[in-house]
Amino acid sequence: MDLTRTALLFDGRRTVDELVDSFTLDEPQLRWLCWLYGYRLEQLRQVGRSHHKRVRAVLDPDPAARVRGAWMRAPDLRSGMPAPVPWTGPHTGAPAGWTPPGWPPGCGPLRPAPDRMPRATPEQVRSEYRPAGLLVIGGVLAVVAPALAASAPVAAAALGAVALAFLLGYLPARRHRDRLVEAGADRRPPYDPPPGPGTPPPPPPGPLNREDDR
């Protein structure tokens, strides 16, 4: 399921609970799509060993999110009209990389910079990533392995190796979780707000350095 077909799910219903194809739609894209259409991504779970993930998103109660979602579903792209999302099109000489459903051909929202893409909140990360479970599993296997050493030495050795792998995987998993928590604490919006009325103009350019012209 690509961006266009997934966007059709965010039609204004209160809750979206669907399967998406993680091969064609990664998590940053999905979070951006939810943000564009005024939703909050609450859950993203792998379904078994397949390449599908279950997505659960709910309407964001923020009035700005409601306005943004309604505009995405029926954008007014006339010149001079306010737009809650920066967009581009053929008229700019840079057609959009993705045209949402209902938009004119070649028009679409600008993709945010990678460090401004919507992220999971720290609370969501802590709920999703629990590296302490590796210690629990590794500890249990480390206890069972010696008990089998006399009767089944091969099985005991295998369990010991698996236990060691779980225990050694704890620190990298915790560091990865901590990095995601730190990134999720950055709550900057995907785009800088447009200059409003009364915003002072930028300062004039400084004097030219004539030595640079030589």
N, C-alpha and C. Protein backbone atom coordinates (compact mmCIF):
# COMPACT_ATOMS: atom_id res chain seq x y z
N MET A 1 0.86 -1.19 0.00
CA MET A 1 0.00 0.00 0.00
C MET A 1 0.90 1.24 0.00
N ASP A 2 0.80 2.07 -1.02
CA ASP A 2 1.68 3.21 -1.15
C ASP A 2 1.08 4.45 -0.50
N LEU A 3 1.76 5.60 -0.66
CA LEU A 3 1.29 6.83 -0.04
C LEU A 3 -0.13 7.19 -0.46
N THR A 4 -0.42 7.07 -1.76
CA THR A 4 -1.73 7.50 -2.25
C THR A 4 -2.85 6.64 -1.67
N ARG A 5 -2.70 5.34 -1.72
CA ARG A 5 -3.75 4.47 -1.20
C ARG A 5 -3.89 4.60 0.31
N THR A 6 -2.77 4.82 1.00
CA THR A 6 -2.84 5.01 2.45
C THR A 6 -3.51 6.34 2.78
N ALA A 7 -3.23 7.37 1.99
CA ALA A 7 -3.84 8.68 2.24
C ALA A 7 -5.36 8.60 2.18
N LEU A 8 -5.89 7.72 1.32
CA LEU A 8 -7.34 7.60 1.20
C LEU A 8 -7.98 7.06 2.48
N LEU A 9 -7.18 6.40 3.33
CA LEU A 9 -7.72 5.90 4.60
C LEU A 9 -8.01 7.04 5.57
N PHE A 10 -7.25 8.13 5.45
CA PHE A 10 -7.40 9.26 6.37
C PHE A 10 -8.45 10.23 5.83
N ASP A 11 -9.68 9.75 5.80
CA ASP A 11 -10.77 10.50 5.17
C ASP A 11 -11.60 11.30 6.15
N GLY A 12 -11.15 11.41 7.38
CA GLY A 12 -11.89 12.17 8.39
C GLY A 12 -12.59 11.30 9.41
N ARG A 13 -12.56 9.97 9.23
CA ARG A 13 -13.13 9.09 10.25
C ARG A 13 -12.36 9.26 11.56
N ARG A 14 -12.98 8.94 12.66
CA ARG A 14 -12.36 9.18 13.96
C ARG A 14 -11.14 8.28 14.19
N THR A 15 -11.23 7.02 13.75
CA THR A 15 -10.15 6.07 13.98
C THR A 15 -9.84 5.31 12.70
N VAL A 16 -8.58 5.16 12.41
CA VAL A 16 -8.13 4.33 11.28
C VAL A 16 -7.37 3.14 11.86
N ASP A 17 -7.82 1.94 11.53
CA ASP A 17 -7.18 0.71 12.01
C ASP A 17 -7.06 -0.23 10.82
N GLU A 18 -5.89 -0.21 10.18
CA GLU A 18 -5.71 -0.92 8.92
C GLU A 18 -4.32 -1.55 8.85
N LEU A 19 -4.17 -2.47 7.88
CA LEU A 19 -2.86 -3.04 7.57
C LEU A 19 -2.23 -2.24 6.45
N VAL A 20 -0.92 -1.97 6.57
CA VAL A 20 -0.20 -1.29 5.50
C VAL A 20 1.03 -2.12 5.14
N ASP A 21 1.52 -1.90 3.94
CA ASP A 21 2.68 -2.62 3.43
C ASP A 21 3.94 -1.85 3.80
N SER A 22 4.75 -2.42 4.68
CA SER A 22 5.95 -1.72 5.14
C SER A 22 7.06 -1.73 4.09
N PHE A 23 6.90 -2.51 3.00
CA PHE A 23 7.89 -2.48 1.93
C PHE A 23 7.80 -1.19 1.13
N THR A 24 6.59 -0.65 0.97
CA THR A 24 6.39 0.54 0.15
C THR A 24 6.13 1.80 0.97
N LEU A 25 6.01 1.65 2.29
CA LEU A 25 5.69 2.80 3.13
C LEU A 25 6.42 2.62 4.47
N ASP A 26 7.48 3.41 4.68
CA ASP A 26 8.23 3.26 5.91
C ASP A 26 7.60 4.11 7.02
N GLU A 27 8.11 3.95 8.24
CA GLU A 27 7.50 4.62 9.39
C GLU A 27 7.56 6.15 9.30
N PRO A 28 8.70 6.78 8.91
CA PRO A 28 8.69 8.24 8.80
C PRO A 28 7.64 8.75 7.80
N GLN A 29 7.49 8.07 6.67
CA GLN A 29 6.47 8.49 5.70
C GLN A 29 5.07 8.37 6.30
N LEU A 30 4.83 7.29 7.02
CA LEU A 30 3.51 7.08 7.60
C LEU A 30 3.19 8.13 8.65
N ARG A 31 4.17 8.46 9.49
CA ARG A 31 3.94 9.49 10.50
C ARG A 31 3.70 10.86 9.85
N TRP A 32 4.43 11.14 8.79
CA TRP A 32 4.23 12.40 8.05
C TRP A 32 2.82 12.42 7.45
N LEU A 33 2.39 11.30 6.87
CA LEU A 33 1.07 11.23 6.26
C LEU A 33 -0.02 11.46 7.31
N CYS A 34 0.13 10.84 8.48
CA CYS A 34 -0.84 11.07 9.55
C CYS A 34 -0.89 12.54 9.93
N TRP A 35 0.29 13.13 10.07
CA TRP A 35 0.34 14.55 10.45
C TRP A 35 -0.35 15.42 9.40
N LEU A 36 -0.07 15.16 8.13
CA LEU A 36 -0.67 15.96 7.07
C LEU A 36 -2.20 15.94 7.13
N TYR A 37 -2.75 14.76 7.38
CA TYR A 37 -4.21 14.61 7.34
C TYR A 37 -4.88 14.76 8.70
N GLY A 38 -4.14 15.30 9.67
CA GLY A 38 -4.74 15.63 10.95
C GLY A 38 -4.95 14.46 11.87
N TYR A 39 -4.10 13.44 11.78
CA TYR A 39 -4.21 12.27 12.64
C TYR A 39 -2.96 12.14 13.52
N ARG A 40 -3.12 11.38 14.59
CA ARG A 40 -2.00 11.01 15.44
C ARG A 40 -1.81 9.50 15.36
N LEU A 41 -0.61 9.07 15.00
CA LEU A 41 -0.32 7.65 14.93
C LEU A 41 -0.11 7.12 16.34
N GLU A 42 -1.00 6.25 16.78
CA GLU A 42 -0.94 5.73 18.15
C GLU A 42 -0.26 4.37 18.23
N GLN A 43 -0.36 3.60 17.16
CA GLN A 43 0.22 2.25 17.23
C GLN A 43 0.67 1.81 15.85
N LEU A 44 1.83 1.18 15.81
CA LEU A 44 2.38 0.61 14.57
C LEU A 44 3.02 -0.71 14.95
N ARG A 45 2.36 -1.81 14.64
CA ARG A 45 2.78 -3.13 15.08
C ARG A 45 3.05 -4.04 13.89
N GLN A 46 4.15 -4.78 13.99
CA GLN A 46 4.46 -5.80 12.99
C GLN A 46 3.44 -6.93 13.11
N VAL A 47 2.99 -7.44 11.95
CA VAL A 47 2.04 -8.54 11.93
C VAL A 47 2.79 -9.81 11.58
N GLY A 48 3.07 -10.63 12.60
CA GLY A 48 3.77 -11.89 12.39
C GLY A 48 5.11 -11.68 11.69
N ARG A 49 5.38 -12.56 10.74
CA ARG A 49 6.62 -12.48 9.97
C ARG A 49 6.39 -11.86 8.60
N SER A 50 5.23 -11.29 8.38
CA SER A 50 4.92 -10.70 7.08
C SER A 50 5.53 -9.30 6.99
N HIS A 51 5.39 -8.69 5.80
CA HIS A 51 5.87 -7.31 5.62
C HIS A 51 4.76 -6.30 5.88
N HIS A 52 3.70 -6.74 6.54
CA HIS A 52 2.60 -5.85 6.86
C HIS A 52 2.70 -5.36 8.31
N LYS A 53 2.22 -4.14 8.51
CA LYS A 53 2.13 -3.59 9.85
C LYS A 53 0.71 -3.08 10.08
N ARG A 54 0.25 -3.25 11.31
CA ARG A 54 -1.07 -2.74 11.65
C ARG A 54 -0.93 -1.31 12.16
N VAL A 55 -1.69 -0.43 11.55
CA VAL A 55 -1.65 0.99 11.87
C VAL A 55 -2.93 1.38 12.59
N ARG A 56 -2.76 2.05 13.71
CA ARG A 56 -3.91 2.62 14.40
C ARG A 56 -3.65 4.10 14.61
N ALA A 57 -4.52 4.92 14.01
CA ALA A 57 -4.37 6.37 14.11
C ALA A 57 -5.72 6.97 14.49
N VAL A 58 -5.67 8.06 15.24
CA VAL A 58 -6.90 8.74 15.67
C VAL A 58 -6.83 10.21 15.25
N LEU A 59 -7.98 10.80 15.08
CA LEU A 59 -8.03 12.22 14.73
C LEU A 59 -7.39 13.05 15.84
N ASP A 60 -6.56 13.98 15.45
CA ASP A 60 -5.93 14.90 16.39
C ASP A 60 -6.96 15.97 16.76
N PRO A 61 -7.23 16.18 18.06
CA PRO A 61 -8.22 17.19 18.45
C PRO A 61 -7.75 18.63 18.25
N ASP A 62 -6.47 18.83 17.97
CA ASP A 62 -5.95 20.18 17.77
C ASP A 62 -6.67 20.84 16.58
N PRO A 63 -7.27 22.02 16.76
CA PRO A 63 -7.96 22.67 15.65
C PRO A 63 -7.08 22.87 14.42
N ALA A 64 -5.79 23.17 14.64
CA ALA A 64 -4.88 23.36 13.50
C ALA A 64 -4.75 22.06 12.71
N ALA A 65 -4.75 20.93 13.41
CA ALA A 65 -4.66 19.64 12.72
C ALA A 65 -5.93 19.38 11.91
N ARG A 66 -7.09 19.74 12.46
CA ARG A 66 -8.35 19.56 11.73
C ARG A 66 -8.35 20.40 10.45
N VAL A 67 -7.89 21.63 10.57
CA VAL A 67 -7.84 22.52 9.40
C VAL A 67 -6.88 21.96 8.36
N ARG A 68 -5.73 21.49 8.82
CA ARG A 68 -4.73 20.94 7.90
C ARG A 68 -5.27 19.71 7.17
N GLY A 69 -5.93 18.81 7.90
CA GLY A 69 -6.47 17.61 7.29
C GLY A 69 -7.55 17.94 6.26
N ALA A 70 -8.44 18.88 6.60
CA ALA A 70 -9.50 19.26 5.66
C ALA A 70 -8.90 19.89 4.40
N TRP A 71 -7.85 20.69 4.58
CA TRP A 71 -7.21 21.32 3.43
C TRP A 71 -6.52 20.28 2.55
N MET A 72 -5.89 19.28 3.16
CA MET A 72 -5.23 18.24 2.37
C MET A 72 -6.23 17.47 1.52
N ARG A 73 -7.44 17.27 2.03
CA ARG A 73 -8.43 16.52 1.27
C ARG A 73 -9.09 17.37 0.19
N ALA A 74 -9.08 18.69 0.35
CA ALA A 74 -9.66 19.58 -0.66
C ALA A 74 -8.86 20.88 -0.68
N PRO A 75 -7.64 20.85 -1.22
CA PRO A 75 -6.76 22.03 -1.14
C PRO A 75 -7.23 23.16 -2.06
N ASP A 76 -7.08 24.36 -1.54
CA ASP A 76 -7.32 25.55 -2.35
C ASP A 76 -5.95 26.09 -2.76
N LEU A 77 -5.56 25.81 -3.99
CA LEU A 77 -4.22 26.14 -4.45
C LEU A 77 -4.18 27.42 -5.27
N ARG A 78 -5.22 28.22 -5.16
CA ARG A 78 -5.21 29.49 -5.90
C ARG A 78 -4.14 30.42 -5.34
N SER A 79 -3.60 31.22 -6.22
CA SER A 79 -2.54 32.15 -5.82
C SER A 79 -3.04 33.09 -4.74
N GLY A 80 -2.23 33.24 -3.70
CA GLY A 80 -2.56 34.15 -2.62
C GLY A 80 -3.39 33.54 -1.51
N MET A 81 -3.91 32.34 -1.71
CA MET A 81 -4.71 31.70 -0.67
C MET A 81 -3.80 31.08 0.38
N PRO A 82 -4.18 31.17 1.66
CA PRO A 82 -3.33 30.60 2.71
C PRO A 82 -3.28 29.08 2.61
N ALA A 83 -2.13 28.52 2.91
CA ALA A 83 -1.94 27.07 2.86
C ALA A 83 -1.29 26.63 4.16
N PRO A 84 -1.90 25.69 4.88
CA PRO A 84 -1.30 25.23 6.15
C PRO A 84 -0.08 24.34 5.96
N VAL A 85 0.18 23.94 4.70
CA VAL A 85 1.31 23.07 4.41
C VAL A 85 2.04 23.64 3.19
N PRO A 86 3.35 23.79 3.22
CA PRO A 86 4.07 24.25 2.02
C PRO A 86 3.93 23.22 0.90
N TRP A 87 3.66 23.71 -0.29
CA TRP A 87 3.46 22.80 -1.41
C TRP A 87 4.17 23.33 -2.64
N THR A 88 4.28 22.48 -3.63
CA THR A 88 4.93 22.86 -4.88
C THR A 88 4.17 22.25 -6.05
N GLY A 89 4.57 22.63 -7.23
CA GLY A 89 3.89 22.13 -8.42
C GLY A 89 4.64 22.53 -9.67
N PRO A 90 4.12 22.17 -10.84
CA PRO A 90 4.81 22.50 -12.10
C PRO A 90 5.07 23.99 -12.28
N HIS A 91 4.20 24.83 -11.70
CA HIS A 91 4.37 26.28 -11.89
C HIS A 91 5.65 26.79 -11.24
N THR A 92 6.20 26.02 -10.28
CA THR A 92 7.42 26.44 -9.60
C THR A 92 8.66 25.91 -10.31
N GLY A 93 8.46 25.06 -11.30
CA GLY A 93 9.59 24.43 -11.97
C GLY A 93 10.11 23.22 -11.22
N ALA A 94 9.45 22.87 -10.11
CA ALA A 94 9.86 21.71 -9.31
C ALA A 94 8.61 20.91 -8.94
N PRO A 95 8.13 20.06 -9.85
CA PRO A 95 6.94 19.26 -9.55
C PRO A 95 7.11 18.44 -8.28
N ALA A 96 6.02 18.19 -7.61
CA ALA A 96 6.06 17.45 -6.35
C ALA A 96 6.48 16.01 -6.57
N GLY A 97 7.14 15.45 -5.57
CA GLY A 97 7.52 14.05 -5.64
C GLY A 97 6.33 13.12 -5.45
N TRP A 98 5.26 13.64 -4.84
CA TRP A 98 4.05 12.84 -4.62
C TRP A 98 2.83 13.75 -4.75
N THR A 99 1.85 13.30 -5.52
CA THR A 99 0.60 14.04 -5.70
C THR A 99 -0.49 13.35 -4.90
N PRO A 100 -1.01 13.97 -3.85
CA PRO A 100 -2.06 13.35 -3.04
C PRO A 100 -3.36 13.19 -3.82
N PRO A 101 -4.25 12.31 -3.36
CA PRO A 101 -5.55 12.14 -4.01
C PRO A 101 -6.32 13.45 -4.06
N GLY A 102 -6.88 13.76 -5.22
CA GLY A 102 -7.67 14.97 -5.37
C GLY A 102 -6.89 16.22 -5.71
N TRP A 103 -5.57 16.12 -5.78
CA TRP A 103 -4.73 17.27 -6.11
C TRP A 103 -4.50 17.32 -7.62
N PRO A 104 -4.23 18.52 -8.17
CA PRO A 104 -3.89 18.61 -9.59
C PRO A 104 -2.59 17.85 -9.89
N PRO A 105 -2.45 17.32 -11.08
CA PRO A 105 -1.23 16.57 -11.43
C PRO A 105 0.03 17.39 -11.18
N GLY A 106 1.03 16.76 -10.59
CA GLY A 106 2.32 17.42 -10.36
C GLY A 106 2.37 18.29 -9.13
N CYS A 107 1.25 18.46 -8.43
CA CYS A 107 1.22 19.30 -7.23
C CYS A 107 1.21 18.41 -5.99
N GLY A 108 1.81 18.91 -4.93
CA GLY A 108 1.83 18.13 -3.70
C GLY A 108 2.61 18.83 -2.61
N PRO A 109 2.51 18.34 -1.38
CA PRO A 109 3.23 18.96 -0.26
C PRO A 109 4.72 18.73 -0.37
N LEU A 110 5.48 19.69 0.11
CA LEU A 110 6.93 19.52 0.18
C LEU A 110 7.27 18.55 1.30
N ARG A 111 8.21 17.69 1.05
CA ARG A 111 8.64 16.74 2.08
C ARG A 111 9.53 17.46 3.08
N PRO A 112 9.29 17.28 4.38
CA PRO A 112 10.14 17.94 5.38
C PRO A 112 11.58 17.42 5.33
N ALA A 113 12.47 18.17 5.93
CA ALA A 113 13.84 17.70 6.08
C ALA A 113 13.84 16.45 6.96
N PRO A 114 14.81 15.55 6.78
CA PRO A 114 14.81 14.30 7.56
C PRO A 114 14.73 14.51 9.06
N ASP A 115 15.39 15.57 9.58
CA ASP A 115 15.37 15.77 11.03
C ASP A 115 14.11 16.47 11.52
N ARG A 116 13.19 16.78 10.58
CA ARG A 116 11.93 17.41 10.97
C ARG A 116 10.72 16.51 10.72
N MET A 117 10.97 15.29 10.25
CA MET A 117 9.86 14.36 10.05
C MET A 117 9.24 14.03 11.41
N PRO A 118 7.91 13.89 11.46
CA PRO A 118 7.27 13.51 12.74
C PRO A 118 7.84 12.21 13.29
N ARG A 119 8.01 12.15 14.60
CA ARG A 119 8.58 10.98 15.26
C ARG A 119 7.65 10.47 16.35
N ALA A 120 7.93 9.25 16.78
CA ALA A 120 7.22 8.70 17.93
C ALA A 120 7.58 9.50 19.18
N THR A 121 6.62 9.68 20.07
CA THR A 121 6.89 10.38 21.32
C THR A 121 7.75 9.49 22.21
N PRO A 122 8.44 10.08 23.19
CA PRO A 122 9.23 9.25 24.12
C PRO A 122 8.38 8.17 24.79
N GLU A 123 7.13 8.49 25.12
CA GLU A 123 6.26 7.51 25.76
C GLU A 123 5.97 6.34 24.82
N GLN A 124 5.74 6.63 23.55
CA GLN A 124 5.50 5.56 22.58
C GLN A 124 6.74 4.69 22.40
N VAL A 125 7.91 5.32 22.38
CA VAL A 125 9.14 4.55 22.22
C VAL A 125 9.34 3.61 23.41
N ARG A 126 9.14 4.13 24.62
CA ARG A 126 9.34 3.28 25.80
C ARG A 126 8.36 2.13 25.84
N SER A 127 7.16 2.36 25.33
CA SER A 127 6.17 1.29 25.30
C SER A 127 6.51 0.24 24.24
N GLU A 128 7.10 0.68 23.13
CA GLU A 128 7.39 -0.22 22.01
C GLU A 128 8.69 -0.98 22.21
N TYR A 129 9.71 -0.31 22.76
CA TYR A 129 11.03 -0.92 22.90
C TYR A 129 11.30 -1.20 24.37
N ARG A 130 11.43 -2.47 24.72
CA ARG A 130 11.68 -2.87 26.10
C ARG A 130 12.89 -3.80 26.14
N PRO A 131 14.08 -3.22 26.10
CA PRO A 131 15.30 -4.05 26.04
C PRO A 131 15.50 -4.92 27.28
N ALA A 132 14.88 -4.56 28.41
CA ALA A 132 15.05 -5.38 29.62
C ALA A 132 14.55 -6.80 29.40
N GLY A 133 13.65 -6.99 28.45
CA GLY A 133 13.17 -8.34 28.15
C GLY A 133 14.29 -9.26 27.70
N LEU A 134 15.31 -8.69 27.06
CA LEU A 134 16.45 -9.50 26.64
C LEU A 134 17.19 -10.07 27.84
N LEU A 135 17.30 -9.25 28.90
CA LEU A 135 17.96 -9.73 30.12
C LEU A 135 17.17 -10.87 30.76
N VAL A 136 15.85 -10.73 30.75
CA VAL A 136 15.01 -11.75 31.37
C VAL A 136 15.15 -13.07 30.63
N ILE A 137 15.03 -13.01 29.29
CA ILE A 137 15.13 -14.25 28.50
C ILE A 137 16.53 -14.84 28.62
N GLY A 138 17.55 -13.99 28.49
CA GLY A 138 18.92 -14.49 28.60
C GLY A 138 19.20 -15.10 29.96
N GLY A 139 18.67 -14.48 31.03
CA GLY A 139 18.88 -15.01 32.37
C GLY A 139 18.22 -16.37 32.57
N VAL A 140 17.00 -16.51 32.05
CA VAL A 140 16.31 -17.81 32.17
C VAL A 140 17.08 -18.90 31.43
N LEU A 141 17.51 -18.60 30.20
CA LEU A 141 18.25 -19.60 29.44
C LEU A 141 19.59 -19.94 30.11
N ALA A 142 20.22 -18.92 30.72
CA ALA A 142 21.50 -19.16 31.39
C ALA A 142 21.34 -20.06 32.60
N VAL A 143 20.17 -20.06 33.21
CA VAL A 143 19.90 -20.95 34.35
C VAL A 143 19.58 -22.36 33.87
N VAL A 144 18.83 -22.46 32.77
CA VAL A 144 18.41 -23.76 32.26
C VAL A 144 19.59 -24.53 31.67
N ALA A 145 20.48 -23.81 30.97
CA ALA A 145 21.59 -24.48 30.26
C ALA A 145 22.45 -25.37 31.17
N PRO A 146 22.92 -24.89 32.32
CA PRO A 146 23.74 -25.77 33.16
C PRO A 146 22.98 -27.00 33.67
N ALA A 147 21.65 -26.82 33.87
CA ALA A 147 20.88 -27.96 34.36
C ALA A 147 20.83 -29.09 33.34
N LEU A 148 21.03 -28.78 32.06
CA LEU A 148 20.99 -29.80 31.02
C LEU A 148 22.37 -30.32 30.66
N ALA A 149 23.39 -29.75 31.27
CA ALA A 149 24.76 -30.08 30.86
C ALA A 149 25.07 -31.57 30.97
N ALA A 150 24.59 -32.22 32.02
CA ALA A 150 24.91 -33.64 32.22
C ALA A 150 24.15 -34.54 31.27
N SER A 151 22.86 -34.29 31.10
CA SER A 151 22.02 -35.18 30.30
C SER A 151 22.02 -34.84 28.82
N ALA A 152 22.17 -33.58 28.49
CA ALA A 152 22.12 -33.16 27.08
C ALA A 152 23.15 -32.06 26.86
N PRO A 153 24.42 -32.40 26.78
CA PRO A 153 25.48 -31.37 26.68
C PRO A 153 25.39 -30.52 25.43
N VAL A 154 24.95 -31.13 24.31
CA VAL A 154 24.86 -30.35 23.07
C VAL A 154 23.76 -29.29 23.20
N ALA A 155 22.62 -29.73 23.72
CA ALA A 155 21.51 -28.78 23.91
C ALA A 155 21.91 -27.70 24.91
N ALA A 156 22.62 -28.09 25.96
CA ALA A 156 23.05 -27.11 26.96
C ALA A 156 23.99 -26.08 26.35
N ALA A 157 24.90 -26.53 25.50
CA ALA A 157 25.82 -25.60 24.85
C ALA A 157 25.07 -24.64 23.94
N ALA A 158 24.08 -25.17 23.23
CA ALA A 158 23.30 -24.32 22.33
C ALA A 158 22.51 -23.28 23.13
N LEU A 159 21.88 -23.72 24.21
CA LEU A 159 21.14 -22.78 25.05
C LEU A 159 22.06 -21.74 25.66
N GLY A 160 23.25 -22.16 26.05
CA GLY A 160 24.21 -21.21 26.60
C GLY A 160 24.60 -20.15 25.60
N ALA A 161 24.80 -20.56 24.34
CA ALA A 161 25.15 -19.60 23.29
C ALA A 161 24.00 -18.62 23.04
N VAL A 162 22.77 -19.15 23.03
CA VAL A 162 21.61 -18.27 22.82
C VAL A 162 21.47 -17.30 23.99
N ALA A 163 21.66 -17.81 25.21
CA ALA A 163 21.57 -16.93 26.39
C ALA A 163 22.59 -15.81 26.31
N LEU A 164 23.81 -16.15 25.90
CA LEU A 164 24.85 -15.13 25.77
C LEU A 164 24.48 -14.08 24.73
N ALA A 165 23.87 -14.53 23.62
CA ALA A 165 23.46 -13.58 22.57
C ALA A 165 22.42 -12.60 23.09
N PHE A 166 21.46 -13.11 23.87
CA PHE A 166 20.45 -12.22 24.44
C PHE A 166 21.07 -11.23 25.41
N LEU A 167 21.96 -11.71 26.25
CA LEU A 167 22.58 -10.83 27.24
C LEU A 167 23.46 -9.76 26.58
N LEU A 168 24.22 -10.18 25.56
CA LEU A 168 25.07 -9.22 24.85
C LEU A 168 24.25 -8.22 24.04
N GLY A 169 23.04 -8.61 23.65
CA GLY A 169 22.21 -7.70 22.85
C GLY A 169 21.52 -6.63 23.67
N TYR A 170 21.57 -6.76 25.01
CA TYR A 170 20.84 -5.80 25.84
C TYR A 170 21.36 -4.38 25.70
N LEU A 171 22.66 -4.18 25.84
CA LEU A 171 23.20 -2.81 25.81
C LEU A 171 22.97 -2.13 24.46
N PRO A 172 23.26 -2.78 23.32
CA PRO A 172 22.95 -2.12 22.04
C PRO A 172 21.47 -1.77 21.90
N ALA A 173 20.60 -2.69 22.37
CA ALA A 173 19.16 -2.42 22.26
C ALA A 173 18.76 -1.24 23.14
N ARG A 174 19.36 -1.15 24.33
CA ARG A 174 19.03 -0.03 25.21
C ARG A 174 19.53 1.28 24.63
N ARG A 175 20.73 1.27 24.04
CA ARG A 175 21.25 2.50 23.44
C ARG A 175 20.36 2.94 22.28
N HIS A 176 19.91 1.96 21.48
CA HIS A 176 19.02 2.30 20.37
C HIS A 176 17.72 2.91 20.89
N ARG A 177 17.15 2.32 21.95
CA ARG A 177 15.94 2.86 22.55
C ARG A 177 16.16 4.28 23.06
N ASP A 178 17.29 4.50 23.72
CA ASP A 178 17.58 5.81 24.27
C ASP A 178 17.74 6.86 23.17
N ARG A 179 18.35 6.46 22.04
CA ARG A 179 18.48 7.41 20.92
C ARG A 179 17.11 7.78 20.37
N LEU A 180 16.21 6.81 20.27
CA LEU A 180 14.86 7.10 19.78
C LEU A 180 14.10 7.99 20.75
N VAL A 181 14.29 7.77 22.05
CA VAL A 181 13.64 8.62 23.05
C VAL A 181 14.15 10.05 22.93
N GLU A 182 15.46 10.20 22.77
CA GLU A 182 16.04 11.55 22.64
C GLU A 182 15.52 12.24 21.38
N ALA A 183 15.45 11.49 20.27
CA ALA A 183 14.94 12.07 19.03
C ALA A 183 13.46 12.44 19.17
N GLY A 184 12.69 11.61 19.86
CA GLY A 184 11.27 11.88 20.03
C GLY A 184 10.99 13.09 20.90
N ALA A 185 11.96 13.48 21.73
CA ALA A 185 11.78 14.66 22.57
C ALA A 185 11.86 15.96 21.76
N ASP A 186 12.38 15.88 20.54
CA ASP A 186 12.43 17.05 19.66
C ASP A 186 11.05 17.22 19.04
N ARG A 187 10.26 18.14 19.56
CA ARG A 187 8.87 18.31 19.12
C ARG A 187 8.69 19.44 18.13
N ARG A 188 9.75 19.80 17.41
CA ARG A 188 9.60 20.83 16.39
C ARG A 188 8.63 20.36 15.32
N PRO A 189 7.79 21.24 14.78
CA PRO A 189 6.88 20.84 13.71
C PRO A 189 7.66 20.53 12.43
N PRO A 190 7.04 19.81 11.50
CA PRO A 190 7.76 19.47 10.27
C PRO A 190 8.22 20.68 9.46
N TYR A 191 7.48 21.78 9.57
CA TYR A 191 7.82 22.97 8.77
C TYR A 191 7.90 24.19 9.68
N ASP A 192 8.73 25.14 9.29
CA ASP A 192 8.75 26.42 9.98
C ASP A 192 7.47 27.18 9.64
N PRO A 193 6.90 27.93 10.60
CA PRO A 193 5.68 28.68 10.30
C PRO A 193 5.95 29.76 9.27
N PRO A 194 4.98 30.00 8.37
CA PRO A 194 5.19 31.06 7.38
C PRO A 194 5.21 32.43 8.05
N PRO A 195 5.91 33.40 7.46
CA PRO A 195 5.92 34.76 8.04
C PRO A 195 4.51 35.32 8.10
N GLY A 196 4.11 35.80 9.26
CA GLY A 196 2.77 36.36 9.41
C GLY A 196 2.78 37.86 9.16
N PRO A 197 1.59 38.48 9.20
CA PRO A 197 1.52 39.92 9.00
C PRO A 197 2.30 40.64 10.09
N GLY A 198 3.04 41.62 9.68
CA GLY A 198 3.82 42.39 10.64
C GLY A 198 5.20 41.81 10.88
N THR A 199 5.52 40.69 10.22
CA THR A 199 6.85 40.12 10.39
C THR A 199 7.87 41.05 9.73
N PRO A 200 8.89 41.46 10.45
CA PRO A 200 9.86 42.38 9.85
C PRO A 200 10.59 41.72 8.70
N PRO A 201 10.96 42.49 7.69
CA PRO A 201 11.70 41.92 6.56
C PRO A 201 13.09 41.49 6.99
N PRO A 202 13.70 40.60 6.24
CA PRO A 202 15.05 40.17 6.60
C PRO A 202 16.03 41.34 6.49
N PRO A 203 17.13 41.30 7.22
CA PRO A 203 18.10 42.40 7.15
C PRO A 203 18.70 42.49 5.75
N PRO A 204 19.08 43.70 5.34
CA PRO A 204 19.68 43.84 4.01
C PRO A 204 21.03 43.15 3.95
N PRO A 205 21.45 42.73 2.77
CA PRO A 205 22.76 42.07 2.67
C PRO A 205 23.88 43.04 3.06
N GLY A 206 24.95 42.48 3.60
CA GLY A 206 26.08 43.30 4.01
C GLY A 206 26.84 43.83 2.81
N PRO A 207 27.75 44.74 3.02
CA PRO A 207 28.54 45.29 1.92
C PRO A 207 29.39 44.22 1.25
N LEU A 208 29.54 44.32 -0.05
CA LEU A 208 30.35 43.36 -0.77
C LEU A 208 31.82 43.51 -0.42
N ASN A 209 32.50 42.43 -0.34
CA ASN A 209 33.94 42.44 -0.11
C ASN A 209 34.59 42.49 -1.49
N ARG A 210 35.11 43.62 -1.88
CA ARG A 210 35.64 43.79 -3.24
C ARG A 210 36.80 42.84 -3.52
N GLU A 211 37.51 42.43 -2.45
CA GLU A 211 38.63 41.52 -2.69
C GLU A 211 38.14 40.19 -3.22
N ASP A 212 36.88 39.82 -2.87
CA ASP A 212 36.33 38.55 -3.34
C ASP A 212 36.03 38.59 -4.82
N ASP A 213 35.92 39.84 -5.39
CA ASP A 213 35.56 39.95 -6.81
C ASP A 213 36.78 39.85 -7.70
N ARG A 214 37.96 39.86 -7.12
CA ARG A 214 39.17 39.84 -7.94
C ARG A 214 39.43 38.45 -8.49
